[in-house]
Amino acid sequence: MTQNQQSENPQGERPQTGNRLIDAALAEFGSLDDHPPAEHHDRLAQVHEVLASVLEQSRGGAQAPIPGLRPNP
């Protein structure tokens, strides 16, 4: 952790997003320093799944176009 990060959050508290699913996933994740390197990928993948799910739900089913990909007719 850098000196700047320590001064911004001296108690080491996690920021709250206001979304209970995201906040729970980040709290469960903790920090990469809390886990052995062999577990980093799986833990990051779990948080990524939650974040992707929340984002998809927030779109209300609307799929954003992917740049460079032609839509199906």
N, C-alpha and C. Protein backbone atom coordinates (compact mmCIF):
# COMPACT_ATOMS: atom_id res chain seq x y z
N MET A 1 0.85 -1.17 0.00
CA MET A 1 0.00 0.00 0.00
C MET A 1 0.90 1.23 0.00
N THR A 2 0.54 2.21 -0.79
CA THR A 2 1.34 3.42 -0.86
C THR A 2 1.01 4.35 0.29
N GLN A 3 1.87 5.29 0.54
CA GLN A 3 1.64 6.27 1.61
C GLN A 3 0.36 7.05 1.36
N ASN A 4 0.09 7.40 0.11
CA ASN A 4 -1.11 8.15 -0.23
C ASN A 4 -2.37 7.34 0.09
N GLN A 5 -2.36 6.03 -0.23
CA GLN A 5 -3.51 5.18 0.06
C GLN A 5 -3.73 5.08 1.57
N GLN A 6 -2.66 5.02 2.35
CA GLN A 6 -2.79 4.93 3.79
C GLN A 6 -3.40 6.20 4.36
N SER A 7 -3.01 7.36 3.86
CA SER A 7 -3.54 8.60 4.38
C SER A 7 -4.99 8.81 3.99
N GLU A 8 -5.42 8.27 2.85
CA GLU A 8 -6.81 8.40 2.42
C GLU A 8 -7.73 7.51 3.24
N ASN A 9 -7.25 6.39 3.72
CA ASN A 9 -8.06 5.42 4.42
C ASN A 9 -7.27 4.85 5.59
N PRO A 10 -7.04 5.65 6.64
CA PRO A 10 -6.14 5.24 7.71
C PRO A 10 -6.60 4.02 8.50
N GLN A 11 -7.90 3.77 8.60
CA GLN A 11 -8.38 2.61 9.35
C GLN A 11 -8.40 1.34 8.52
N GLY A 12 -8.09 1.43 7.25
CA GLY A 12 -8.11 0.26 6.38
C GLY A 12 -9.52 -0.18 6.04
N GLU A 13 -10.49 0.68 6.21
CA GLU A 13 -11.87 0.34 5.91
C GLU A 13 -12.08 0.29 4.40
N ARG A 14 -12.93 -0.63 3.99
CA ARG A 14 -13.24 -0.75 2.58
C ARG A 14 -14.27 0.30 2.18
N PRO A 15 -14.13 0.89 1.01
CA PRO A 15 -15.14 1.83 0.55
C PRO A 15 -16.46 1.11 0.32
N GLN A 16 -17.55 1.80 0.52
CA GLN A 16 -18.88 1.24 0.32
C GLN A 16 -19.45 1.79 -0.98
N THR A 17 -19.97 0.90 -1.82
CA THR A 17 -20.53 1.32 -3.10
C THR A 17 -22.01 1.66 -2.98
N GLY A 18 -22.67 1.14 -1.95
CA GLY A 18 -24.11 1.32 -1.82
C GLY A 18 -24.88 0.15 -2.42
N ASN A 19 -24.20 -0.72 -3.14
CA ASN A 19 -24.83 -1.92 -3.68
C ASN A 19 -24.44 -3.08 -2.78
N ARG A 20 -25.45 -3.70 -2.16
CA ARG A 20 -25.15 -4.74 -1.16
C ARG A 20 -24.41 -5.93 -1.76
N LEU A 21 -24.70 -6.29 -3.01
CA LEU A 21 -24.02 -7.43 -3.64
C LEU A 21 -22.55 -7.13 -3.89
N ILE A 22 -22.28 -5.94 -4.39
CA ILE A 22 -20.88 -5.55 -4.65
C ILE A 22 -20.12 -5.41 -3.34
N ASP A 23 -20.72 -4.74 -2.36
CA ASP A 23 -20.05 -4.55 -1.07
C ASP A 23 -19.74 -5.89 -0.41
N ALA A 24 -20.68 -6.84 -0.48
CA ALA A 24 -20.46 -8.16 0.10
C ALA A 24 -19.35 -8.91 -0.62
N ALA A 25 -19.33 -8.83 -1.95
CA ALA A 25 -18.28 -9.51 -2.72
C ALA A 25 -16.91 -8.94 -2.41
N LEU A 26 -16.83 -7.61 -2.30
CA LEU A 26 -15.54 -6.99 -2.00
C LEU A 26 -15.10 -7.30 -0.57
N ALA A 27 -16.04 -7.34 0.36
CA ALA A 27 -15.70 -7.67 1.76
C ALA A 27 -15.21 -9.11 1.86
N GLU A 28 -15.87 -10.02 1.17
CA GLU A 28 -15.46 -11.42 1.20
C GLU A 28 -14.10 -11.60 0.53
N PHE A 29 -13.87 -10.84 -0.53
CA PHE A 29 -12.60 -10.91 -1.24
C PHE A 29 -11.45 -10.48 -0.34
N GLY A 30 -11.66 -9.40 0.40
CA GLY A 30 -10.60 -8.88 1.25
C GLY A 30 -9.55 -8.18 0.41
N SER A 31 -8.34 -8.63 0.52
CA SER A 31 -7.21 -8.07 -0.20
C SER A 31 -6.39 -9.23 -0.77
N LEU A 32 -5.72 -9.00 -1.87
CA LEU A 32 -4.86 -10.06 -2.41
C LEU A 32 -3.81 -10.48 -1.39
N ASP A 33 -3.39 -9.54 -0.56
CA ASP A 33 -2.40 -9.87 0.47
C ASP A 33 -2.94 -10.85 1.51
N ASP A 34 -4.28 -10.97 1.59
CA ASP A 34 -4.90 -11.87 2.56
C ASP A 34 -4.88 -13.32 2.11
N HIS A 35 -4.50 -13.58 0.86
CA HIS A 35 -4.61 -14.92 0.29
C HIS A 35 -3.30 -15.33 -0.39
N PRO A 36 -3.04 -16.63 -0.41
CA PRO A 36 -1.84 -17.09 -1.12
C PRO A 36 -1.98 -16.84 -2.62
N PRO A 37 -0.87 -16.64 -3.31
CA PRO A 37 -0.91 -16.36 -4.74
C PRO A 37 -1.69 -17.39 -5.55
N ALA A 38 -1.68 -18.63 -5.14
CA ALA A 38 -2.39 -19.67 -5.89
C ALA A 38 -3.91 -19.45 -5.90
N GLU A 39 -4.42 -18.66 -4.95
CA GLU A 39 -5.87 -18.40 -4.87
C GLU A 39 -6.28 -17.09 -5.54
N HIS A 40 -5.33 -16.28 -5.97
CA HIS A 40 -5.66 -14.95 -6.52
C HIS A 40 -6.62 -15.03 -7.70
N HIS A 41 -6.33 -15.89 -8.66
CA HIS A 41 -7.17 -15.96 -9.85
C HIS A 41 -8.61 -16.32 -9.50
N ASP A 42 -8.80 -17.35 -8.68
CA ASP A 42 -10.15 -17.77 -8.33
C ASP A 42 -10.91 -16.68 -7.57
N ARG A 43 -10.23 -16.00 -6.67
CA ARG A 43 -10.89 -14.94 -5.90
C ARG A 43 -11.26 -13.76 -6.79
N LEU A 44 -10.35 -13.38 -7.68
CA LEU A 44 -10.66 -12.30 -8.62
C LEU A 44 -11.81 -12.69 -9.54
N ALA A 45 -11.84 -13.93 -9.97
CA ALA A 45 -12.91 -14.41 -10.85
C ALA A 45 -14.26 -14.35 -10.14
N GLN A 46 -14.30 -14.67 -8.85
CA GLN A 46 -15.56 -14.62 -8.09
C GLN A 46 -16.08 -13.19 -8.02
N VAL A 47 -15.21 -12.25 -7.72
CA VAL A 47 -15.63 -10.85 -7.65
C VAL A 47 -16.06 -10.37 -9.03
N HIS A 48 -15.32 -10.76 -10.06
CA HIS A 48 -15.66 -10.38 -11.43
C HIS A 48 -17.07 -10.87 -11.79
N GLU A 49 -17.41 -12.09 -11.39
CA GLU A 49 -18.74 -12.62 -11.67
C GLU A 49 -19.83 -11.76 -11.05
N VAL A 50 -19.63 -11.36 -9.80
CA VAL A 50 -20.62 -10.53 -9.12
C VAL A 50 -20.74 -9.18 -9.83
N LEU A 51 -19.61 -8.56 -10.12
CA LEU A 51 -19.63 -7.26 -10.78
C LEU A 51 -20.32 -7.34 -12.16
N ALA A 52 -20.01 -8.37 -12.93
CA ALA A 52 -20.62 -8.54 -14.25
C ALA A 52 -22.12 -8.77 -14.12
N SER A 53 -22.53 -9.53 -13.13
CA SER A 53 -23.95 -9.80 -12.92
C SER A 53 -24.70 -8.53 -12.56
N VAL A 54 -24.15 -7.73 -11.66
CA VAL A 54 -24.79 -6.47 -11.26
C VAL A 54 -24.88 -5.53 -12.45
N LEU A 55 -23.82 -5.45 -13.23
CA LEU A 55 -23.83 -4.59 -14.41
C LEU A 55 -24.89 -5.04 -15.41
N GLU A 56 -24.97 -6.32 -15.66
CA GLU A 56 -25.95 -6.85 -16.60
C GLU A 56 -27.37 -6.55 -16.12
N GLN A 57 -27.63 -6.72 -14.83
CA GLN A 57 -28.95 -6.44 -14.28
C GLN A 57 -29.29 -4.96 -14.38
N SER A 58 -28.30 -4.10 -14.25
CA SER A 58 -28.55 -2.66 -14.29
C SER A 58 -28.92 -2.19 -15.70
N ARG A 59 -28.58 -2.98 -16.69
CA ARG A 59 -28.89 -2.62 -18.07
C ARG A 59 -30.35 -2.91 -18.41
N GLY A 60 -31.03 -3.63 -17.56
CA GLY A 60 -32.41 -3.97 -17.82
C GLY A 60 -32.59 -4.86 -19.03
N GLY A 61 -31.61 -5.71 -19.31
CA GLY A 61 -31.69 -6.62 -20.43
C GLY A 61 -31.19 -6.04 -21.74
N ALA A 62 -30.90 -4.74 -21.78
CA ALA A 62 -30.40 -4.12 -23.01
C ALA A 62 -28.93 -4.47 -23.19
N GLN A 63 -28.58 -4.98 -24.33
CA GLN A 63 -27.21 -5.35 -24.62
C GLN A 63 -26.52 -4.20 -25.35
N ALA A 64 -25.45 -3.73 -24.79
CA ALA A 64 -24.68 -2.67 -25.43
C ALA A 64 -23.96 -3.25 -26.65
N PRO A 65 -23.92 -2.51 -27.75
CA PRO A 65 -23.20 -3.02 -28.93
C PRO A 65 -21.71 -3.15 -28.66
N ILE A 66 -21.12 -4.17 -29.24
CA ILE A 66 -19.68 -4.38 -29.09
C ILE A 66 -19.01 -3.73 -30.30
N PRO A 67 -18.09 -2.77 -30.05
CA PRO A 67 -17.43 -2.08 -31.16
C PRO A 67 -16.73 -3.07 -32.10
N GLY A 68 -16.95 -2.88 -33.40
CA GLY A 68 -16.30 -3.72 -34.40
C GLY A 68 -17.04 -5.01 -34.71
N LEU A 69 -18.10 -5.30 -33.95
CA LEU A 69 -18.86 -6.53 -34.18
C LEU A 69 -20.18 -6.18 -34.84
N ARG A 70 -20.43 -6.79 -35.99
CA ARG A 70 -21.68 -6.51 -36.70
C ARG A 70 -22.82 -7.27 -36.04
N PRO A 71 -23.95 -6.61 -35.82
CA PRO A 71 -25.10 -7.30 -35.20
C PRO A 71 -25.69 -8.34 -36.13
N ASN A 72 -26.30 -9.36 -35.56
CA ASN A 72 -26.98 -10.39 -36.35
C ASN A 72 -28.23 -9.79 -36.97
N PRO A 73 -28.50 -10.13 -38.23
CA PRO A 73 -29.72 -9.60 -38.88
C PRO A 73 -30.98 -10.24 -38.33
